[in-house]
Amino acid sequence: MKGKQKDYDQRLKTLMKTQTSDYITDADNKSRALWQVINNERKAKPNQVNKWKLIADGKTLQDPAEIADCLNSYFATAAERTLQAHNINIKNSNQETPPITNFKLQLQPATQTDIQTAIDSLKPKTSSGIDEISAKLVKTCK
């Protein structure tokens, strides 16, 4: 039984190859015929167009822009609606302000040796930071 199944599968595969080869050979535009065969195998182009439909607030929306606006407003206000549903008011929450301290930032002048040591400690990466200057460039220009 398995031998017959294998023979059938091989025969079917051979017939499909022959048919495809004949189709491409007989075609006037071989490039187009080849791509048609490829797309038919891949099922790349669906024949039907999906129509979008969204029911919101009892209205049926079919325009993609209206659907996008509706979804945008829904997700943009999701947190606010959740807080209202649980009777949570953000403005009345017990957030403590940080205590005011008398400590001030004290800076010391940097020497040329300090700067050389800092540059030497950088890893020679080519990626740049917010200043758009890479550490490798700084080390090269040192």
C-alpha atoms as a PDB file:
ATOM      1  CA  MET A   1       0.000   0.000   0.000  1.00  0.00           C
ATOM      2  CA  LYS A   2       2.793   2.439   0.925  1.00  0.00           C
ATOM      3  CA  GLY A   3       4.620   1.634  -2.299  1.00  0.00           C
ATOM      4  CA  LYS A   4       1.547   2.541  -4.359  1.00  0.00           C
ATOM      5  CA  GLN A   5       1.117   5.792  -2.445  1.00  0.00           C
ATOM      6  CA  LYS A   6       4.763   6.703  -3.069  1.00  0.00           C
ATOM      7  CA  ASP A   7       4.448   5.856  -6.775  1.00  0.00           C
ATOM      8  CA  TYR A   8       1.288   7.962  -7.000  1.00  0.00           C
ATOM      9  CA  ASP A   9       2.968  10.953  -5.273  1.00  0.00           C
ATOM     10  CA  GLN A  10       6.020  10.727  -7.540  1.00  0.00           C
ATOM     11  CA  ARG A  11       3.864  10.446 -10.666  1.00  0.00           C
ATOM     12  CA  LEU A  12       1.765  13.436  -9.564  1.00  0.00           C
ATOM     13  CA  LYS A  13       4.906  15.484  -8.867  1.00  0.00           C
ATOM     14  CA  THR A  14       6.335  14.564 -12.286  1.00  0.00           C
ATOM     15  CA  LEU A  15       3.099  15.527 -14.047  1.00  0.00           C
ATOM     16  CA  MET A  16       2.989  18.871 -12.236  1.00  0.00           C
ATOM     17  CA  LYS A  17       6.611  19.615 -13.192  1.00  0.00           C
ATOM     18  CA  THR A  18       5.920  18.694 -16.805  1.00  0.00           C
ATOM     19  CA  GLN A  19       2.776  20.827 -16.947  1.00  0.00           C
ATOM     20  CA  THR A  20       4.573  23.813 -15.392  1.00  0.00           C
ATOM     21  CA  SER A  21       7.528  23.433 -17.732  1.00  0.00           C
ATOM     22  CA  ASP A  22       5.244  23.201 -20.777  1.00  0.00           C
ATOM     23  CA  TYR A  23       3.275  26.268 -19.638  1.00  0.00           C
ATOM     24  CA  ILE A  24       6.440  28.366 -19.333  1.00  0.00           C
ATOM     25  CA  THR A  25       7.904  27.033 -22.594  1.00  0.00           C
ATOM     26  CA  ASP A  26       4.727  27.750 -24.586  1.00  0.00           C
ATOM     27  CA  ALA A  27       4.245  31.236 -23.122  1.00  0.00           C
ATOM     28  CA  ASP A  28       5.005  34.343 -25.172  1.00  0.00           C
ATOM     29  CA  ASN A  29       6.250  36.208 -22.093  1.00  0.00           C
ATOM     30  CA  LYS A  30       8.305  33.618 -20.217  1.00  0.00           C
ATOM     31  CA  SER A  31       9.167  35.902 -17.328  1.00  0.00           C
ATOM     32  CA  ARG A  32       5.514  36.683 -16.673  1.00  0.00           C
ATOM     33  CA  ALA A  33       4.557  33.013 -16.977  1.00  0.00           C
ATOM     34  CA  LEU A  34       7.263  32.044 -14.488  1.00  0.00           C
ATOM     35  CA  TRP A  35       6.000  34.588 -11.955  1.00  0.00           C
ATOM     36  CA  GLN A  36       2.423  33.418 -12.447  1.00  0.00           C
ATOM     37  CA  VAL A  37       3.521  29.877 -11.611  1.00  0.00           C
ATOM     38  CA  ILE A  38       5.421  31.096  -8.554  1.00  0.00           C
ATOM     39  CA  ASN A  39       2.495  33.184  -7.304  1.00  0.00           C
ATOM     40  CA  ASN A  40       0.049  30.328  -7.884  1.00  0.00           C
ATOM     41  CA  GLU A  41       2.260  28.020  -5.826  1.00  0.00           C
ATOM     42  CA  ARG A  42       2.633  30.587  -3.058  1.00  0.00           C
ATOM     43  CA  LYS A  43      -0.999  31.702  -3.185  1.00  0.00           C
ATOM     44  CA  ALA A  44       0.419  35.238  -2.932  1.00  0.00           C
ATOM     45  CA  LYS A  45      -2.575  37.197  -4.227  1.00  0.00           C
ATOM     46  CA  PRO A  46      -5.916  36.574  -2.581  1.00  0.00           C
ATOM     47  CA  ASN A  47      -8.825  37.079  -4.954  1.00  0.00           C
ATOM     48  CA  GLN A  48     -11.132  38.663  -2.420  1.00  0.00           C
ATOM     49  CA  VAL A  49     -10.727  42.013  -0.712  1.00  0.00           C
ATOM     50  CA  ASN A  50     -11.398  42.080   3.018  1.00  0.00           C
ATOM     51  CA  LYS A  51     -13.875  44.783   3.983  1.00  0.00           C
ATOM     52  CA  TRP A  52     -13.420  46.175   7.459  1.00  0.00           C
ATOM     53  CA  LYS A  53     -16.419  46.777   9.655  1.00  0.00           C
ATOM     54  CA  LEU A  54     -16.541  48.054  13.239  1.00  0.00           C
ATOM     55  CA  ILE A  55     -19.617  48.571  15.374  1.00  0.00           C
ATOM     56  CA  ALA A  56     -19.008  51.357  17.902  1.00  0.00           C
ATOM     57  CA  ASP A  57     -21.688  53.126  19.958  1.00  0.00           C
ATOM     58  CA  GLY A  58     -24.382  51.480  17.849  1.00  0.00           C
ATOM     59  CA  LYS A  59     -22.915  52.833  14.605  1.00  0.00           C
ATOM     60  CA  THR A  60     -21.381  50.671  11.911  1.00  0.00           C
ATOM     61  CA  LEU A  61     -18.121  52.099  10.613  1.00  0.00           C
ATOM     62  CA  GLN A  62     -16.626  50.909   7.315  1.00  0.00           C
ATOM     63  CA  ASP A  63     -14.275  53.741   6.354  1.00  0.00           C
ATOM     64  CA  PRO A  64     -10.708  52.769   7.370  1.00  0.00           C
ATOM     65  CA  ALA A  65      -9.959  56.320   8.579  1.00  0.00           C
ATOM     66  CA  GLU A  66     -13.048  56.371  10.820  1.00  0.00           C
ATOM     67  CA  ILE A  67     -12.188  52.925  12.187  1.00  0.00           C
ATOM     68  CA  ALA A  68      -8.626  54.097  12.926  1.00  0.00           C
ATOM     69  CA  ASP A  69      -9.913  57.233  14.702  1.00  0.00           C
ATOM     70  CA  CYS A  70     -12.357  55.183  16.764  1.00  0.00           C
ATOM     71  CA  LEU A  71      -9.678  52.683  17.824  1.00  0.00           C
ATOM     72  CA  ASN A  72      -7.243  55.515  18.560  1.00  0.00           C
ATOM     73  CA  SER A  73      -9.675  57.332  20.842  1.00  0.00           C
ATOM     74  CA  TYR A  74     -10.604  54.057  22.556  1.00  0.00           C
ATOM     75  CA  PHE A  75      -7.025  53.123  23.400  1.00  0.00           C
ATOM     76  CA  ALA A  76      -5.995  56.716  24.198  1.00  0.00           C
ATOM     77  CA  THR A  77      -8.677  56.949  26.899  1.00  0.00           C
ATOM     78  CA  ALA A  78      -8.438  53.372  28.212  1.00  0.00           C
ATOM     79  CA  ALA A  79      -6.460  54.305  31.353  1.00  0.00           C
ATOM     80  CA  GLU A  80      -8.764  57.219  32.176  1.00  0.00           C
ATOM     81  CA  ARG A  81     -11.885  55.058  31.807  1.00  0.00           C
ATOM     82  CA  THR A  82     -10.349  52.324  33.977  1.00  0.00           C
ATOM     83  CA  LEU A  83      -9.546  54.805  36.735  1.00  0.00           C
ATOM     84  CA  GLN A  84     -13.062  56.269  36.583  1.00  0.00           C
ATOM     85  CA  ALA A  85     -14.606  52.805  36.726  1.00  0.00           C
ATOM     86  CA  HIS A  86     -12.750  52.104  39.974  1.00  0.00           C
ATOM     87  CA  ASN A  87     -13.383  55.584  41.422  1.00  0.00           C
ATOM     88  CA  ILE A  88      -9.697  56.485  41.522  1.00  0.00           C
ATOM     89  CA  ASN A  89      -8.824  60.149  41.287  1.00  0.00           C
ATOM     90  CA  ILE A  90      -5.225  60.844  40.336  1.00  0.00           C
ATOM     91  CA  LYS A  91      -5.261  64.451  41.555  1.00  0.00           C
ATOM     92  CA  ASN A  92      -6.239  63.464  45.099  1.00  0.00           C
ATOM     93  CA  SER A  93      -3.707  60.674  45.488  1.00  0.00           C
ATOM     94  CA  ASN A  94      -1.332  60.836  48.418  1.00  0.00           C
ATOM     95  CA  GLN A  95       1.837  61.604  46.545  1.00  0.00           C
ATOM     96  CA  GLU A  96       4.504  63.064  48.743  1.00  0.00           C
ATOM     97  CA  THR A  97       6.745  65.767  47.411  1.00  0.00           C
ATOM     98  CA  PRO A  98      10.433  65.090  47.956  1.00  0.00           C
ATOM     99  CA  PRO A  99      11.932  66.943  50.921  1.00  0.00           C
ATOM    100  CA  ILE A 100      13.911  70.072  50.188  1.00  0.00           C
ATOM    101  CA  THR A 101      17.547  69.685  51.134  1.00  0.00           C
ATOM    102  CA  ASN A 102      20.277  72.218  51.668  1.00  0.00           C
ATOM    103  CA  PHE A 103      22.885  70.132  49.852  1.00  0.00           C
ATOM    104  CA  LYS A 104      24.323  71.769  46.802  1.00  0.00           C
ATOM    105  CA  LEU A 105      26.224  70.260  43.937  1.00  0.00           C
ATOM    106  CA  GLN A 106      29.886  71.030  44.262  1.00  0.00           C
ATOM    107  CA  LEU A 107      32.032  70.857  41.145  1.00  0.00           C
ATOM    108  CA  GLN A 108      35.800  70.765  41.103  1.00  0.00           C
ATOM    109  CA  PRO A 109      37.966  71.905  38.222  1.00  0.00           C
ATOM    110  CA  ALA A 110      39.179  69.039  36.040  1.00  0.00           C
ATOM    111  CA  THR A 111      42.821  68.725  35.196  1.00  0.00           C
ATOM    112  CA  GLN A 112      44.234  67.588  31.879  1.00  0.00           C
ATOM    113  CA  THR A 113      45.258  64.305  33.529  1.00  0.00           C
ATOM    114  CA  ASP A 114      41.673  63.734  34.718  1.00  0.00           C
ATOM    115  CA  ILE A 115      40.371  64.243  31.187  1.00  0.00           C
ATOM    116  CA  GLN A 116      43.055  61.965  29.689  1.00  0.00           C
ATOM    117  CA  THR A 117      42.172  59.240  32.212  1.00  0.00           C
ATOM    118  CA  ALA A 118      38.455  59.584  31.441  1.00  0.00           C
ATOM    119  CA  ILE A 119      39.068  59.360  27.682  1.00  0.00           C
ATOM    120  CA  ASP A 120      41.369  56.345  28.097  1.00  0.00           C
ATOM    121  CA  SER A 121      38.702  54.548  30.143  1.00  0.00           C
ATOM    122  CA  LEU A 122      36.136  54.819  27.312  1.00  0.00           C
ATOM    123  CA  LYS A 123      35.413  51.682  25.315  1.00  0.00           C
ATOM    124  CA  PRO A 124      36.225  52.215  21.619  1.00  0.00           C
ATOM    125  CA  LYS A 125      32.648  51.901  20.392  1.00  0.00           C
ATOM    126  CA  THR A 126      31.488  53.415  17.125  1.00  0.00           C
ATOM    127  CA  SER A 127      27.970  54.104  18.381  1.00  0.00           C
ATOM    128  CA  SER A 128      27.315  57.688  19.392  1.00  0.00           C
ATOM    129  CA  GLY A 129      25.417  59.128  22.294  1.00  0.00           C
ATOM    130  CA  ILE A 130      23.095  62.111  22.482  1.00  0.00           C
ATOM    131  CA  ASP A 131      25.926  64.395  21.350  1.00  0.00           C
ATOM    132  CA  GLU A 132      26.364  62.265  18.197  1.00  0.00           C
ATOM    133  CA  ILE A 133      30.088  61.818  18.901  1.00  0.00           C
ATOM    134  CA  SER A 134      31.371  58.270  19.269  1.00  0.00           C
ATOM    135  CA  ALA A 135      33.860  57.229  21.935  1.00  0.00           C
ATOM    136  CA  LYS A 136      36.123  55.882  19.200  1.00  0.00           C
ATOM    137  CA  LEU A 137      36.246  59.350  17.602  1.00  0.00           C
ATOM    138  CA  VAL A 138      37.071  60.977  20.952  1.00  0.00           C
ATOM    139  CA  LYS A 139      39.910  58.503  21.527  1.00  0.00           C
ATOM    140  CA  THR A 140      41.229  59.059  17.995  1.00  0.00           C
ATOM    141  CA  CYS A 141      41.205  62.857  18.341  1.00  0.00           C
ATOM    142  CA  LYS A 142      42.860  62.803  21.785  1.00  0.00           C
END
